[in-house]
Amino acid sequence: MYRSGAVARMLRMPVATLRVWERRYQLTQAALSPSGQRQYSSEDVRRLALIKQLTDLGHAIGSIATLGMEELQRVASTHATVLSGSATGERPAVAPVPPLAWRVVVIGAALGSRMQRPALLRRLARPVELLGPFDSLGEAATALEGKHVDALLVHEPQLLDGWITSLESRAPAFAQTPKAIIYGFAADAACDALATAGVALLREPQPDAVLAQWLNGLARADGPHQKAASQSTRMPGDVRPRRWSDAALADFATLSSTIACECPRHVAELLVQLSHFEKYSAECANRNAQDAQLHAYLQQVAAASRASFEDALEYVAMHEGLVLPASHAQLPHPPADSQ
């Protein structure tokens, strides 16, 4: 429970104003302490913070004082959507990003045919792009040289010792690619060695339901590899400029700390750090030729991450009924060195 003075400090408003609001509009059902002090719950503070935010944006206190929390959040979300649209000309509502296709190299004709069964594909939680089937690892390595792949799926009727060593000699390009093997017969020592090396193993025969469940587990485990690869291929022109300044994000982080969910504040703070690292990498890229390639890559990754977290901040703010800070597009453009 919080006293009036503490609540007023969190809302950045005079205690007298808070008391006037309470007396005129009965905004909350604040409890009284034994000494007669008004005490506010976390939910009371959350509601008052949203009302304060909306009044700062021009809404009359009398027009929103009687609204419930869900109605207040709808007003705030509508306001946030309008502001986002005015900042970019036309900004659609945030929607879940569809998963990228899982690029899987298939070795073995029988496995390739099975992986094309519609009934099996429908069971997969992620779209799959099959590369192959190829008759051998060497053939696949030659055909896919220089191309990004997410996983290597191999059918081996007889799994022999030294499979990893053989792979490194025949297809060194796949050395760091996540691997999975469906096998018929194998010695325990061979399975132990492959499992130790991080290779996923499934003994045949297995029904499609089990194979699909196994593949879904591989796809989830492989997610970060694909995401990192897709980000690393972004070019600077593919990433939008910063939406919010440090000052705007700091102000938003302070405001969002008055509500129960701390995610808006954490995301705002991460955005500030990512933006600083993005700028730092850009400056380091100009230091000398040896560092240029590395820091240009780091700048691209930081910029892509920053853009994703900007979308996340907008999504979280709308979910929590918070109004986003004004973006650079809504403000006079500052000098380039202040971005």
C-alpha atoms as a PDB file:
ATOM      1  CA  MET A   1       0.000   0.000   0.000  1.00  0.00           C
ATOM      2  CA  TYR A   2       1.225   3.520  -0.852  1.00  0.00           C
ATOM      3  CA  ARG A   3       0.506   6.857   0.816  1.00  0.00           C
ATOM      4  CA  SER A   4      -0.633   9.907  -1.148  1.00  0.00           C
ATOM      5  CA  GLY A   5       2.815  11.518  -1.134  1.00  0.00           C
ATOM      6  CA  ALA A   6       4.488   8.427  -2.592  1.00  0.00           C
ATOM      7  CA  VAL A   7       1.795   8.056  -5.262  1.00  0.00           C
ATOM      8  CA  ALA A   8       2.101  11.722  -6.231  1.00  0.00           C
ATOM      9  CA  ARG A   9       5.875  11.358  -6.625  1.00  0.00           C
ATOM     10  CA  MET A  10       5.432   8.279  -8.839  1.00  0.00           C
ATOM     11  CA  LEU A  11       2.909  10.134 -10.991  1.00  0.00           C
ATOM     12  CA  ARG A  12       5.040  13.314 -11.024  1.00  0.00           C
ATOM     13  CA  MET A  13       2.182  15.524  -9.899  1.00  0.00           C
ATOM     14  CA  PRO A  14       1.498  17.713  -6.826  1.00  0.00           C
ATOM     15  CA  VAL A  15      -0.092  15.979  -3.853  1.00  0.00           C
ATOM     16  CA  ALA A  16      -2.698  18.743  -3.796  1.00  0.00           C
ATOM     17  CA  THR A  17      -3.795  17.897  -7.345  1.00  0.00           C
ATOM     18  CA  LEU A  18      -4.135  14.218  -6.464  1.00  0.00           C
ATOM     19  CA  ARG A  19      -6.291  15.109  -3.468  1.00  0.00           C
ATOM     20  CA  VAL A  20      -8.490  17.424  -5.561  1.00  0.00           C
ATOM     21  CA  TRP A  21      -8.975  14.662  -8.124  1.00  0.00           C
ATOM     22  CA  GLU A  22      -9.965  12.228  -5.405  1.00  0.00           C
ATOM     23  CA  ARG A  23     -12.360  14.654  -3.744  1.00  0.00           C
ATOM     24  CA  ARG A  24     -14.087  15.732  -6.963  1.00  0.00           C
ATOM     25  CA  TYR A  25     -14.098  12.530  -9.006  1.00  0.00           C
ATOM     26  CA  GLN A  26     -13.625   9.660  -6.501  1.00  0.00           C
ATOM     27  CA  LEU A  27     -11.079   8.032  -8.841  1.00  0.00           C
ATOM     28  CA  THR A  28     -10.224   5.116  -6.536  1.00  0.00           C
ATOM     29  CA  GLN A  29     -11.508   3.315  -3.484  1.00  0.00           C
ATOM     30  CA  ALA A  30      -8.430   4.139  -1.437  1.00  0.00           C
ATOM     31  CA  ALA A  31      -8.322   2.599   2.031  1.00  0.00           C
ATOM     32  CA  LEU A  32      -7.613   4.541   5.212  1.00  0.00           C
ATOM     33  CA  SER A  33      -4.822   3.715   7.621  1.00  0.00           C
ATOM     34  CA  PRO A  34      -5.503   3.699  11.403  1.00  0.00           C
ATOM     35  CA  SER A  35      -4.170   7.275  11.487  1.00  0.00           C
ATOM     36  CA  GLY A  36      -6.578   8.389   8.724  1.00  0.00           C
ATOM     37  CA  GLN A  37      -4.014   8.469   5.844  1.00  0.00           C
ATOM     38  CA  ARG A  38      -5.294   7.451   2.385  1.00  0.00           C
ATOM     39  CA  GLN A  39      -3.547   4.295   1.144  1.00  0.00           C
ATOM     40  CA  TYR A  40      -3.440   3.136  -2.475  1.00  0.00           C
ATOM     41  CA  SER A  41      -2.955  -0.371  -3.835  1.00  0.00           C
ATOM     42  CA  SER A  42      -0.769  -1.191  -6.845  1.00  0.00           C
ATOM     43  CA  GLU A  43      -3.914  -1.420  -8.979  1.00  0.00           C
ATOM     44  CA  ASP A  44      -4.977   2.051  -7.788  1.00  0.00           C
ATOM     45  CA  VAL A  45      -1.569   3.444  -8.786  1.00  0.00           C
ATOM     46  CA  ARG A  46      -1.780   1.744 -12.180  1.00  0.00           C
ATOM     47  CA  ARG A  47      -5.172   3.320 -12.882  1.00  0.00           C
ATOM     48  CA  LEU A  48      -4.096   6.773 -11.666  1.00  0.00           C
ATOM     49  CA  ALA A  49      -0.951   6.608 -13.802  1.00  0.00           C
ATOM     50  CA  LEU A  50      -3.032   5.916 -16.898  1.00  0.00           C
ATOM     51  CA  ILE A  51      -5.460   8.734 -16.078  1.00  0.00           C
ATOM     52  CA  LYS A  52      -2.554  11.137 -15.500  1.00  0.00           C
ATOM     53  CA  GLN A  53      -1.012  10.100 -18.825  1.00  0.00           C
ATOM     54  CA  LEU A  54      -4.245  10.678 -20.726  1.00  0.00           C
ATOM     55  CA  THR A  55      -4.833  14.084 -19.134  1.00  0.00           C
ATOM     56  CA  ASP A  56      -1.296  15.091 -20.113  1.00  0.00           C
ATOM     57  CA  LEU A  57      -2.277  14.232 -23.691  1.00  0.00           C
ATOM     58  CA  GLY A  58      -5.301  16.531 -23.571  1.00  0.00           C
ATOM     59  CA  HIS A  59      -8.131  14.334 -22.327  1.00  0.00           C
ATOM     60  CA  ALA A  60     -10.337  16.156 -19.786  1.00  0.00           C
ATOM     61  CA  ILE A  61     -10.248  14.566 -16.348  1.00  0.00           C
ATOM     62  CA  GLY A  62     -14.034  14.817 -16.095  1.00  0.00           C
ATOM     63  CA  SER A  63     -14.513  12.812 -19.307  1.00  0.00           C
ATOM     64  CA  ILE A  64     -12.383   9.858 -18.240  1.00  0.00           C
ATOM     65  CA  ALA A  65     -12.744   9.826 -14.438  1.00  0.00           C
ATOM     66  CA  THR A  66     -15.675   7.403 -14.504  1.00  0.00           C
ATOM     67  CA  LEU A  67     -14.123   4.950 -16.987  1.00  0.00           C
ATOM     68  CA  GLY A  68     -13.016   1.529 -15.808  1.00  0.00           C
ATOM     69  CA  MET A  69      -9.485   0.216 -16.355  1.00  0.00           C
ATOM     70  CA  GLU A  70     -10.365  -1.679 -19.538  1.00  0.00           C
ATOM     71  CA  GLU A  71     -12.071   1.397 -21.006  1.00  0.00           C
ATOM     72  CA  LEU A  72      -9.097   3.590 -20.106  1.00  0.00           C
ATOM     73  CA  GLN A  73      -6.747   1.120 -21.792  1.00  0.00           C
ATOM     74  CA  ARG A  74      -8.883   1.190 -24.952  1.00  0.00           C
ATOM     75  CA  VAL A  75      -8.661   4.998 -25.005  1.00  0.00           C
ATOM     76  CA  ALA A  76      -4.893   4.833 -24.534  1.00  0.00           C
ATOM     77  CA  SER A  77      -4.476   2.146 -27.208  1.00  0.00           C
ATOM     78  CA  THR A  78      -6.509   4.190 -29.685  1.00  0.00           C
ATOM     79  CA  HIS A  79      -4.401   7.242 -28.918  1.00  0.00           C
ATOM     80  CA  ALA A  80      -1.178   5.206 -29.298  1.00  0.00           C
ATOM     81  CA  THR A  81      -2.302   3.794 -32.636  1.00  0.00           C
ATOM     82  CA  VAL A  82      -3.095   7.282 -33.958  1.00  0.00           C
ATOM     83  CA  LEU A  83       0.301   8.587 -32.818  1.00  0.00           C
ATOM     84  CA  SER A  84       2.110   5.645 -34.409  1.00  0.00           C
ATOM     85  CA  GLY A  85       0.302   6.225 -37.691  1.00  0.00           C
ATOM     86  CA  SER A  86       1.130   9.928 -37.726  1.00  0.00           C
ATOM     87  CA  ALA A  87       4.783   9.182 -37.061  1.00  0.00           C
ATOM     88  CA  THR A  88       5.212   6.964 -40.118  1.00  0.00           C
ATOM     89  CA  GLY A  89       2.503   8.189 -42.478  1.00  0.00           C
ATOM     90  CA  GLU A  90       0.653   4.891 -42.253  1.00  0.00           C
ATOM     91  CA  ARG A  91       1.622   2.237 -39.728  1.00  0.00           C
ATOM     92  CA  PRO A  92      -0.420  -0.986 -39.573  1.00  0.00           C
ATOM     93  CA  ALA A  93      -1.286  -2.634 -36.282  1.00  0.00           C
ATOM     94  CA  VAL A  94       1.426  -4.829 -34.865  1.00  0.00           C
ATOM     95  CA  ALA A  95       0.880  -8.435 -35.911  1.00  0.00           C
ATOM     96  CA  PRO A  96       2.800 -11.602 -35.021  1.00  0.00           C
ATOM     97  CA  VAL A  97       5.734 -12.186 -37.389  1.00  0.00           C
ATOM     98  CA  PRO A  98       5.268 -15.440 -39.344  1.00  0.00           C
ATOM     99  CA  PRO A  99       8.088 -17.946 -38.763  1.00  0.00           C
ATOM    100  CA  LEU A 100      10.754 -18.213 -41.422  1.00  0.00           C
ATOM    101  CA  ALA A 101      11.069 -21.475 -43.328  1.00  0.00           C
ATOM    102  CA  TRP A 102      13.400 -24.032 -41.734  1.00  0.00           C
ATOM    103  CA  ARG A 103      16.013 -24.796 -44.416  1.00  0.00           C
ATOM    104  CA  VAL A 104      16.816 -28.511 -44.049  1.00  0.00           C
ATOM    105  CA  VAL A 105      19.327 -30.472 -46.124  1.00  0.00           C
ATOM    106  CA  VAL A 106      18.064 -34.037 -46.662  1.00  0.00           C
ATOM    107  CA  ILE A 107      20.455 -36.928 -47.371  1.00  0.00           C
ATOM    108  CA  GLY A 108      18.819 -40.109 -48.640  1.00  0.00           C
ATOM    109  CA  ALA A 109      16.151 -40.625 -51.302  1.00  0.00           C
ATOM    110  CA  ALA A 110      13.774 -42.561 -49.034  1.00  0.00           C
ATOM    111  CA  LEU A 111      13.889 -39.870 -46.368  1.00  0.00           C
ATOM    112  CA  GLY A 112      13.393 -37.204 -49.026  1.00  0.00           C
ATOM    113  CA  SER A 113      10.198 -38.892 -50.222  1.00  0.00           C
ATOM    114  CA  ARG A 114       8.897 -39.271 -46.704  1.00  0.00           C
ATOM    115  CA  MET A 115       9.575 -35.614 -45.885  1.00  0.00           C
ATOM    116  CA  GLN A 116       7.274 -34.587 -48.738  1.00  0.00           C
ATOM    117  CA  ARG A 117       4.207 -36.366 -47.366  1.00  0.00           C
ATOM    118  CA  PRO A 118       1.441 -33.791 -46.808  1.00  0.00           C
ATOM    119  CA  ALA A 119       0.277 -35.585 -43.651  1.00  0.00           C
ATOM    120  CA  LEU A 120       3.758 -35.266 -42.139  1.00  0.00           C
ATOM    121  CA  LEU A 121       4.220 -31.638 -43.173  1.00  0.00           C
ATOM    122  CA  ARG A 122       0.871 -30.672 -41.631  1.00  0.00           C
ATOM    123  CA  ARG A 123       2.116 -31.898 -38.262  1.00  0.00           C
ATOM    124  CA  LEU A 124       5.139 -29.594 -38.312  1.00  0.00           C
ATOM    125  CA  ALA A 125       4.860 -26.386 -36.298  1.00  0.00           C
ATOM    126  CA  ARG A 126       7.136 -24.488 -38.666  1.00  0.00           C
ATOM    127  CA  PRO A 127       7.284 -24.242 -42.477  1.00  0.00           C
ATOM    128  CA  VAL A 128      10.095 -26.311 -43.965  1.00  0.00           C
ATOM    129  CA  GLU A 129      12.187 -25.727 -47.081  1.00  0.00           C
ATOM    130  CA  LEU A 130      13.703 -29.054 -48.116  1.00  0.00           C
ATOM    131  CA  LEU A 131      17.044 -28.958 -49.889  1.00  0.00           C
ATOM    132  CA  GLY A 132      17.616 -32.208 -51.728  1.00  0.00           C
ATOM    133  CA  PRO A 133      17.360 -35.082 -51.347  1.00  0.00           C
ATOM    134  CA  PHE A 134      21.021 -35.746 -52.035  1.00  0.00           C
ATOM    135  CA  ASP A 135      22.655 -39.136 -52.323  1.00  0.00           C
ATOM    136  CA  SER A 136      25.673 -38.174 -50.222  1.00  0.00           C
ATOM    137  CA  LEU A 137      27.089 -35.495 -47.954  1.00  0.00           C
ATOM    138  CA  GLY A 138      29.719 -34.612 -50.532  1.00  0.00           C
ATOM    139  CA  GLU A 139      27.079 -34.034 -53.212  1.00  0.00           C
ATOM    140  CA  ALA A 140      25.091 -31.795 -50.872  1.00  0.00           C
ATOM    141  CA  ALA A 141      28.155 -29.775 -49.873  1.00  0.00           C
ATOM    142  CA  THR A 142      29.035 -29.134 -53.538  1.00  0.00           C
ATOM    143  CA  ALA A 143      25.483 -28.191 -54.557  1.00  0.00           C
ATOM    144  CA  LEU A 144      24.909 -25.882 -51.582  1.00  0.00           C
ATOM    145  CA  GLU A 145      28.291 -24.188 -51.385  1.00  0.00           C
ATOM    146  CA  GLY A 146      27.913 -20.657 -49.998  1.00  0.00           C
ATOM    147  CA  LYS A 147      24.219 -21.074 -49.139  1.00  0.00           C
ATOM    148  CA  HIS A 148      22.760 -20.816 -45.641  1.00  0.00           C
ATOM    149  CA  VAL A 149      21.161 -23.953 -44.191  1.00  0.00           C
ATOM    150  CA  ASP A 150      19.616 -24.508 -40.757  1.00  0.00           C
ATOM    151  CA  ALA A 151      19.941 -28.255 -40.269  1.00  0.00           C
ATOM    152  CA  LEU A 152      21.278 -31.460 -41.790  1.00  0.00           C
ATOM    153  CA  LEU A 153      18.867 -34.427 -41.802  1.00  0.00           C
ATOM    154  CA  VAL A 154      20.490 -37.758 -42.749  1.00  0.00           C
ATOM    155  CA  HIS A 155      19.189 -41.274 -43.312  1.00  0.00           C
ATOM    156  CA  GLU A 156      21.829 -43.915 -42.509  1.00  0.00           C
ATOM    157  CA  PRO A 157      20.691 -47.587 -42.647  1.00  0.00           C
ATOM    158  CA  GLN A 158      23.936 -48.605 -40.921  1.00  0.00           C
ATOM    159  CA  LEU A 159      25.594 -46.107 -38.617  1.00  0.00           C
ATOM    160  CA  LEU A 160      29.304 -46.802 -38.332  1.00  0.00           C
ATOM    161  CA  ASP A 161      32.029 -45.515 -36.028  1.00  0.00           C
ATOM    162  CA  GLY A 162      33.848 -42.432 -37.279  1.00  0.00           C
ATOM    163  CA  TRP A 163      30.791 -40.860 -38.911  1.00  0.00           C
ATOM    164  CA  ILE A 164      31.657 -37.373 -37.634  1.00  0.00           C
ATOM    165  CA  THR A 165      35.254 -37.687 -38.823  1.00  0.00           C
ATOM    166  CA  SER A 166      34.020 -38.827 -42.225  1.00  0.00           C
ATOM    167  CA  LEU A 167      31.628 -35.868 -42.395  1.00  0.00           C
ATOM    168  CA  GLU A 168      34.407 -33.378 -41.665  1.00  0.00           C
ATOM    169  CA  SER A 169      36.508 -34.795 -44.479  1.00  0.00           C
ATOM    170  CA  ARG A 170      33.700 -35.092 -47.058  1.00  0.00           C
ATOM    171  CA  ALA A 171      31.691 -31.962 -46.206  1.00  0.00           C
ATOM    172  CA  PRO A 172      33.623 -29.557 -43.943  1.00  0.00           C
ATOM    173  CA  ALA A 173      31.064 -26.815 -44.692  1.00  0.00           C
ATOM    174  CA  PHE A 174      28.527 -28.724 -42.550  1.00  0.00           C
ATOM    175  CA  ALA A 175      30.824 -29.049 -39.522  1.00  0.00           C
ATOM    176  CA  GLN A 176      28.926 -26.400 -37.505  1.00  0.00           C
ATOM    177  CA  THR A 177      25.438 -27.158 -38.888  1.00  0.00           C
ATOM    178  CA  PRO A 178      22.992 -28.820 -36.448  1.00  0.00           C
ATOM    179  CA  LYS A 179      22.634 -32.473 -37.449  1.00  0.00           C
ATOM    180  CA  ALA A 180      20.077 -35.235 -37.008  1.00  0.00           C
ATOM    181  CA  ILE A 181      20.293 -38.871 -38.103  1.00  0.00           C
ATOM    182  CA  ILE A 182      17.583 -41.456 -38.633  1.00  0.00           C
ATOM    183  CA  TYR A 183      19.324 -44.825 -38.509  1.00  0.00           C
ATOM    184  CA  GLY A 184      18.515 -48.514 -38.745  1.00  0.00           C
ATOM    185  CA  PHE A 185      21.381 -50.273 -37.022  1.00  0.00           C
ATOM    186  CA  ALA A 186      24.305 -48.914 -35.028  1.00  0.00           C
ATOM    187  CA  ALA A 187      26.768 -49.937 -32.362  1.00  0.00           C
ATOM    188  CA  ASP A 188      26.331 -48.344 -28.956  1.00  0.00           C
ATOM    189  CA  ALA A 189      29.764 -46.759 -29.243  1.00  0.00           C
ATOM    190  CA  ALA A 190      28.804 -45.028 -32.482  1.00  0.00           C
ATOM    191  CA  CYS A 191      25.588 -43.631 -30.938  1.00  0.00           C
ATOM    192  CA  ASP A 192      27.462 -42.485 -27.830  1.00  0.00           C
ATOM    193  CA  ALA A 193      30.037 -40.629 -29.924  1.00  0.00           C
ATOM    194  CA  LEU A 194      27.400 -38.889 -32.028  1.00  0.00           C
ATOM    195  CA  ALA A 195      25.262 -37.959 -29.024  1.00  0.00           C
ATOM    196  CA  THR A 196      28.349 -36.508 -27.326  1.00  0.00           C
ATOM    197  CA  ALA A 197      28.984 -34.439 -30.452  1.00  0.00           C
ATOM    198  CA  GLY A 198      25.456 -32.994 -30.231  1.00  0.00           C
ATOM    199  CA  VAL A 199      23.914 -35.013 -33.084  1.00  0.00           C
ATOM    200  CA  ALA A 200      20.211 -35.862 -32.626  1.00  0.00           C
ATOM    201  CA  LEU A 201      19.441 -39.569 -33.134  1.00  0.00           C
ATOM    202  CA  LEU A 202      16.204 -41.400 -33.980  1.00  0.00           C
ATOM    203  CA  ARG A 203      16.087 -45.121 -34.659  1.00  0.00           C
ATOM    204  CA  GLU A 204      13.768 -46.335 -37.414  1.00  0.00           C
ATOM    205  CA  PRO A 205      11.103 -47.446 -38.018  1.00  0.00           C
ATOM    206  CA  GLN A 206       8.961 -44.688 -36.503  1.00  0.00           C
ATOM    207  CA  PRO A 207       5.451 -43.497 -37.463  1.00  0.00           C
ATOM    208  CA  ASP A 208       4.976 -40.028 -38.952  1.00  0.00           C
ATOM    209  CA  ALA A 209       3.603 -38.702 -35.650  1.00  0.00           C
ATOM    210  CA  VAL A 210       6.845 -39.537 -33.826  1.00  0.00           C
ATOM    211  CA  LEU A 211       8.997 -38.237 -36.685  1.00  0.00           C
ATOM    212  CA  ALA A 212       7.051 -34.956 -36.741  1.00  0.00           C
ATOM    213  CA  GLN A 213       7.377 -34.550 -32.972  1.00  0.00           C
ATOM    214  CA  TRP A 214      11.134 -35.175 -33.244  1.00  0.00           C
ATOM    215  CA  LEU A 215      11.469 -32.639 -36.075  1.00  0.00           C
ATOM    216  CA  ASN A 216       9.492 -30.015 -34.147  1.00  0.00           C
ATOM    217  CA  GLY A 217      11.931 -30.375 -31.266  1.00  0.00           C
ATOM    218  CA  LEU A 218      14.867 -29.908 -33.651  1.00  0.00           C
ATOM    219  CA  ALA A 219      13.253 -26.830 -35.223  1.00  0.00           C
ATOM    220  CA  ARG A 220      12.708 -25.165 -31.851  1.00  0.00           C
ATOM    221  CA  ALA A 221      16.269 -25.886 -30.762  1.00  0.00           C
ATOM    222  CA  ASP A 222      17.611 -24.545 -34.067  1.00  0.00           C
ATOM    223  CA  GLY A 223      15.661 -21.257 -33.933  1.00  0.00           C
ATOM    224  CA  PRO A 224      18.529 -19.000 -32.717  1.00  0.00           C
ATOM    225  CA  HIS A 225      20.827 -20.230 -35.506  1.00  0.00           C
ATOM    226  CA  GLN A 226      18.381 -19.177 -38.191  1.00  0.00           C
ATOM    227  CA  LYS A 227      17.588 -15.855 -36.535  1.00  0.00           C
ATOM    228  CA  ALA A 228      21.258 -14.956 -36.194  1.00  0.00           C
ATOM    229  CA  ALA A 229      21.909 -15.898 -39.801  1.00  0.00           C
ATOM    230  CA  SER A 230      18.981 -13.863 -41.112  1.00  0.00           C
ATOM    231  CA  GLN A 231      20.082 -10.831 -39.100  1.00  0.00           C
ATOM    232  CA  SER A 232      23.685 -11.136 -40.236  1.00  0.00           C
ATOM    233  CA  THR A 233      22.633 -10.837 -43.877  1.00  0.00           C
ATOM    234  CA  ARG A 234      20.759  -7.575 -43.366  1.00  0.00           C
ATOM    235  CA  MET A 235      22.221  -4.538 -45.050  1.00  0.00           C
ATOM    236  CA  PRO A 236      22.190  -1.094 -43.396  1.00  0.00           C
ATOM    237  CA  GLY A 237      19.574   0.180 -45.830  1.00  0.00           C
ATOM    238  CA  ASP A 238      17.155  -2.544 -44.696  1.00  0.00           C
ATOM    239  CA  VAL A 239      16.951  -1.142 -41.153  1.00  0.00           C
ATOM    240  CA  ARG A 240      14.860   1.888 -40.325  1.00  0.00           C
ATOM    241  CA  PRO A 241      16.333   4.812 -38.351  1.00  0.00           C
ATOM    242  CA  ARG A 242      15.708   5.268 -34.643  1.00  0.00           C
ATOM    243  CA  ARG A 243      12.110   6.041 -33.686  1.00  0.00           C
ATOM    244  CA  TRP A 244      12.801   7.533 -30.237  1.00  0.00           C
ATOM    245  CA  SER A 245      15.538   9.611 -28.642  1.00  0.00           C
ATOM    246  CA  ASP A 246      17.264   8.701 -25.384  1.00  0.00           C
ATOM    247  CA  ALA A 247      15.311  11.402 -23.562  1.00  0.00           C
ATOM    248  CA  ALA A 248      11.952  10.129 -24.828  1.00  0.00           C
ATOM    249  CA  LEU A 249      12.796   6.539 -23.853  1.00  0.00           C
ATOM    250  CA  ALA A 250      14.047   7.598 -20.423  1.00  0.00           C
ATOM    251  CA  ASP A 251      10.814   9.499 -19.820  1.00  0.00           C
ATOM    252  CA  PHE A 252       8.756   6.496 -20.916  1.00  0.00           C
ATOM    253  CA  ALA A 253      10.787   4.135 -18.684  1.00  0.00           C
ATOM    254  CA  THR A 254      10.140   6.366 -15.677  1.00  0.00           C
ATOM    255  CA  LEU A 255       6.406   6.484 -16.390  1.00  0.00           C
ATOM    256  CA  SER A 256       6.037   2.757 -16.969  1.00  0.00           C
ATOM    257  CA  SER A 257       7.691   1.967 -13.630  1.00  0.00           C
ATOM    258  CA  THR A 258       4.452   3.018 -11.912  1.00  0.00           C
ATOM    259  CA  ILE A 259       2.512   0.045 -13.298  1.00  0.00           C
ATOM    260  CA  ALA A 260       2.584  -3.577 -12.218  1.00  0.00           C
ATOM    261  CA  CYS A 261       4.278  -4.915 -15.378  1.00  0.00           C
ATOM    262  CA  GLU A 262       7.907  -3.815 -15.686  1.00  0.00           C
ATOM    263  CA  CYS A 263       8.361  -5.011 -19.282  1.00  0.00           C
ATOM    264  CA  PRO A 264       7.822  -1.544 -20.859  1.00  0.00           C
ATOM    265  CA  ARG A 265      10.571  -0.076 -18.693  1.00  0.00           C
ATOM    266  CA  HIS A 266      12.970  -2.948 -19.402  1.00  0.00           C
ATOM    267  CA  VAL A 267      12.373  -2.776 -23.165  1.00  0.00           C
ATOM    268  CA  ALA A 268      12.905   1.016 -23.159  1.00  0.00           C
ATOM    269  CA  GLU A 269      16.181   0.611 -21.273  1.00  0.00           C
ATOM    270  CA  LEU A 270      17.350  -2.111 -23.688  1.00  0.00           C
ATOM    271  CA  LEU A 271      16.561   0.182 -26.618  1.00  0.00           C
ATOM    272  CA  VAL A 272      18.796   2.901 -25.190  1.00  0.00           C
ATOM    273  CA  GLN A 273      21.673   0.427 -24.780  1.00  0.00           C
ATOM    274  CA  LEU A 274      21.222  -1.060 -28.257  1.00  0.00           C
ATOM    275  CA  SER A 275      21.130   2.402 -29.832  1.00  0.00           C
ATOM    276  CA  HIS A 276      24.353   3.384 -28.076  1.00  0.00           C
ATOM    277  CA  PHE A 277      26.082   0.179 -29.201  1.00  0.00           C
ATOM    278  CA  GLU A 278      24.811   0.716 -32.754  1.00  0.00           C
ATOM    279  CA  LYS A 279      26.368   4.193 -32.795  1.00  0.00           C
ATOM    280  CA  TYR A 280      29.575   2.933 -31.173  1.00  0.00           C
ATOM    281  CA  SER A 281      29.975   0.188 -33.816  1.00  0.00           C
ATOM    282  CA  ALA A 282      29.404   2.694 -36.623  1.00  0.00           C
ATOM    283  CA  GLU A 283      32.165   4.921 -35.274  1.00  0.00           C
ATOM    284  CA  CYS A 284      34.535   1.973 -34.807  1.00  0.00           C
ATOM    285  CA  ALA A 285      33.931   0.874 -38.401  1.00  0.00           C
ATOM    286  CA  ASN A 286      35.571   4.106 -39.547  1.00  0.00           C
ATOM    287  CA  ARG A 287      38.644   3.690 -37.331  1.00  0.00           C
ATOM    288  CA  ASN A 288      40.731   1.503 -39.653  1.00  0.00           C
ATOM    289  CA  ALA A 289      40.358  -0.978 -42.500  1.00  0.00           C
ATOM    290  CA  GLN A 290      41.074  -4.037 -40.332  1.00  0.00           C
ATOM    291  CA  ASP A 291      38.188  -3.325 -37.963  1.00  0.00           C
ATOM    292  CA  ALA A 292      35.760  -2.064 -40.603  1.00  0.00           C
ATOM    293  CA  GLN A 293      34.231  -5.410 -41.591  1.00  0.00           C
ATOM    294  CA  LEU A 294      33.751  -6.634 -38.021  1.00  0.00           C
ATOM    295  CA  HIS A 295      32.198  -3.414 -36.736  1.00  0.00           C
ATOM    296  CA  ALA A 296      30.021  -2.995 -39.831  1.00  0.00           C
ATOM    297  CA  TYR A 297      28.611  -6.439 -39.064  1.00  0.00           C
ATOM    298  CA  LEU A 298      28.071  -5.534 -35.402  1.00  0.00           C
ATOM    299  CA  GLN A 299      26.347  -2.319 -36.428  1.00  0.00           C
ATOM    300  CA  GLN A 300      23.955  -4.249 -38.693  1.00  0.00           C
ATOM    301  CA  VAL A 301      23.088  -6.742 -35.946  1.00  0.00           C
ATOM    302  CA  ALA A 302      22.589  -3.964 -33.380  1.00  0.00           C
ATOM    303  CA  ALA A 303      20.408  -1.966 -35.784  1.00  0.00           C
ATOM    304  CA  ALA A 304      18.265  -5.005 -36.618  1.00  0.00           C
ATOM    305  CA  SER A 305      17.875  -5.823 -32.915  1.00  0.00           C
ATOM    306  CA  ARG A 306      17.026  -2.220 -32.099  1.00  0.00           C
ATOM    307  CA  ALA A 307      14.341  -2.129 -34.808  1.00  0.00           C
ATOM    308  CA  SER A 308      12.831  -5.371 -33.475  1.00  0.00           C
ATOM    309  CA  PHE A 309      12.759  -4.018 -29.924  1.00  0.00           C
ATOM    310  CA  GLU A 310      11.091  -0.824 -31.158  1.00  0.00           C
ATOM    311  CA  ASP A 311       8.286  -2.982 -32.538  1.00  0.00           C
ATOM    312  CA  ALA A 312       8.234  -4.855 -29.232  1.00  0.00           C
ATOM    313  CA  LEU A 313       7.932  -1.608 -27.265  1.00  0.00           C
ATOM    314  CA  GLU A 314       4.960  -0.548 -29.378  1.00  0.00           C
ATOM    315  CA  TYR A 315       3.289  -3.937 -28.919  1.00  0.00           C
ATOM    316  CA  VAL A 316       3.867  -4.004 -25.138  1.00  0.00           C
ATOM    317  CA  ALA A 317       2.710  -0.389 -24.734  1.00  0.00           C
ATOM    318  CA  MET A 318      -0.550  -1.094 -26.556  1.00  0.00           C
ATOM    319  CA  HIS A 319      -1.075  -4.246 -24.497  1.00  0.00           C
ATOM    320  CA  GLU A 320      -0.542  -2.328 -21.238  1.00  0.00           C
ATOM    321  CA  GLY A 321      -2.551   0.697 -22.333  1.00  0.00           C
ATOM    322  CA  LEU A 322       0.436   3.058 -22.337  1.00  0.00           C
ATOM    323  CA  VAL A 323       0.937   5.909 -24.795  1.00  0.00           C
ATOM    324  CA  LEU A 324       4.289   5.779 -26.555  1.00  0.00           C
ATOM    325  CA  PRO A 325       6.682   8.736 -26.449  1.00  0.00           C
ATOM    326  CA  ALA A 326       6.835  11.092 -29.419  1.00  0.00           C
ATOM    327  CA  SER A 327       9.098   9.715 -32.145  1.00  0.00           C
ATOM    328  CA  HIS A 328      11.823  11.492 -34.089  1.00  0.00           C
ATOM    329  CA  ALA A 329       9.407  11.707 -37.021  1.00  0.00           C
ATOM    330  CA  GLN A 330       7.069  13.856 -34.934  1.00  0.00           C
ATOM    331  CA  LEU A 331       9.788  16.183 -33.659  1.00  0.00           C
ATOM    332  CA  PRO A 332      12.140  18.682 -35.305  1.00  0.00           C
ATOM    333  CA  HIS A 333      15.104  16.712 -36.620  1.00  0.00           C
ATOM    334  CA  PRO A 334      18.113  17.091 -34.280  1.00  0.00           C
ATOM    335  CA  PRO A 335      21.690  17.300 -35.558  1.00  0.00           C
ATOM    336  CA  ALA A 336      23.116  14.005 -36.775  1.00  0.00           C
ATOM    337  CA  ASP A 337      25.545  13.683 -33.855  1.00  0.00           C
ATOM    338  CA  SER A 338      22.701  13.719 -31.322  1.00  0.00           C
ATOM    339  CA  GLN A 339      20.845  10.734 -32.766  1.00  0.00           C
END
